[in-house]
């Protein structure tokens, strides 16, 4: 018999030699927990996408020098992502000391 094997057939069963497979992103399910312990399941491509999905009221832009000066003068401290916040000693405002 001269039957063609599925491996001898062209794409989608088998890509042509040297052809790249198309990249497909896969969604994962993330647990997003708020500060009260409430949990939500969110299907997203990344954890950042999942977080953005549950916090649509937040907006992020890069601060320019004037933004930093005015916000720090108003007592807003600069936070570092991924670092747990620590209590400042009494008398220190916004991380500045004499």
Protein backbone atom coordinates (compact mmCIF):
# COMPACT_ATOMS: atom_id res chain seq x y z
CA UNK A 1 0.00 0.00 0.00
CA UNK A 2 1.10 3.53 -0.76
CA UNK A 3 -0.74 5.29 2.03
CA UNK A 4 0.55 8.70 3.20
CA UNK A 5 1.45 8.84 6.85
CA UNK A 6 0.16 11.80 8.93
CA UNK A 7 3.83 12.68 9.51
CA UNK A 8 4.33 13.11 5.77
CA UNK A 9 1.46 15.57 5.45
CA UNK A 10 2.13 19.33 5.43
CA UNK A 11 1.21 21.71 8.25
CA UNK A 12 -0.89 21.62 10.48
CA UNK A 13 0.18 18.04 11.07
CA UNK A 14 3.83 18.74 10.42
CA UNK A 15 5.57 22.02 9.70
CA UNK A 16 7.87 22.36 6.72
CA UNK A 17 11.56 21.91 7.52
CA UNK A 18 13.02 25.13 8.93
CA UNK A 19 9.60 26.66 9.59
CA UNK A 20 9.02 28.19 13.00
CA UNK A 21 6.02 27.26 15.07
CA UNK A 22 3.70 30.19 15.69
CA UNK A 23 4.04 31.57 19.22
CA UNK A 24 0.87 31.35 21.24
CA UNK A 25 0.56 32.89 24.67
CA UNK A 26 -1.34 30.83 27.16
CA UNK A 27 -3.54 32.31 29.82
CA UNK A 28 -3.13 31.14 33.39
CA UNK A 29 -5.44 31.48 36.37
CA UNK A 30 -4.12 33.72 39.15
CA UNK A 31 -5.40 34.22 42.70
CA UNK A 32 -5.58 37.94 43.48
CA UNK A 33 -5.96 38.68 47.19
CA UNK A 34 -6.84 42.08 48.65
CA UNK A 35 -5.66 43.41 52.02
CA UNK A 36 -8.80 42.03 53.70
CA UNK A 37 -8.06 38.48 52.55
CA UNK A 38 -10.75 38.39 49.85
CA UNK A 39 -9.61 36.22 46.96
CA UNK A 40 -10.50 36.42 43.29
CA UNK A 41 -9.61 34.04 40.47
CA UNK A 42 -8.53 35.90 37.36
CA UNK A 43 -7.58 34.34 34.02
CA UNK A 44 -4.80 36.44 32.47
CA UNK A 45 -1.58 36.25 30.47
CA UNK A 46 0.55 37.67 33.33
CA UNK A 47 0.15 38.42 37.02
CA UNK A 48 0.40 42.13 36.17
CA UNK A 49 -2.58 41.74 33.80
CA UNK A 50 -4.54 40.01 36.56
CA UNK A 51 -3.76 42.79 39.02
CA UNK A 52 -4.72 45.47 36.51
CA UNK A 53 -8.01 43.65 35.94
CA UNK A 54 -9.06 43.92 39.60
CA UNK A 55 -7.72 47.45 40.19
CA UNK A 56 -9.11 49.47 37.27
CA UNK A 57 -9.20 52.66 39.34
CA UNK A 58 -5.41 52.89 39.47
CA UNK A 59 -3.42 54.61 36.75
CA UNK A 60 0.38 54.48 36.44
CA UNK A 61 2.60 57.04 34.74
CA UNK A 62 6.28 57.78 35.18
CA UNK A 63 6.85 60.72 37.54
CA UNK A 64 8.84 63.67 36.27
CA UNK A 65 11.05 65.83 38.49
CA UNK A 66 8.28 68.36 39.24
CA UNK A 67 5.88 65.56 40.27
CA UNK A 68 8.46 64.15 42.68
CA UNK A 69 9.20 67.54 44.23
CA UNK A 70 5.55 68.50 44.74
CA UNK A 71 4.45 65.10 46.07
CA UNK A 72 7.39 64.75 48.47
CA UNK A 73 6.75 68.33 49.70
CA UNK A 74 3.17 67.21 50.43
CA UNK A 75 4.54 64.34 52.57
CA UNK A 76 4.22 61.48 50.07
CA UNK A 77 7.03 58.96 50.53
CA UNK A 78 8.69 57.12 47.65
CA UNK A 79 7.88 53.40 47.86
CA UNK A 80 10.12 50.71 46.38
CA UNK A 81 8.27 47.90 44.60
CA UNK A 82 9.08 44.46 45.96
CA UNK A 83 10.46 45.83 49.24
CA UNK A 84 8.40 45.62 52.41
CA UNK A 85 7.64 49.02 53.95
CA UNK A 86 9.43 49.87 57.22
CA UNK A 87 8.43 52.32 59.93
CA UNK A 88 10.36 55.59 59.82
CA UNK A 89 11.84 56.87 63.09
CA UNK A 90 9.80 59.67 64.68
CA UNK A 91 10.67 63.03 63.18
CA UNK A 92 11.66 61.75 59.74
CA UNK A 93 9.27 62.89 57.01
CA UNK A 94 9.11 61.14 53.64
CA UNK A 95 12.47 59.45 54.15
CA UNK A 96 14.37 62.73 54.47
CA UNK A 97 16.54 63.56 57.46
CA UNK A 98 18.90 66.41 58.35
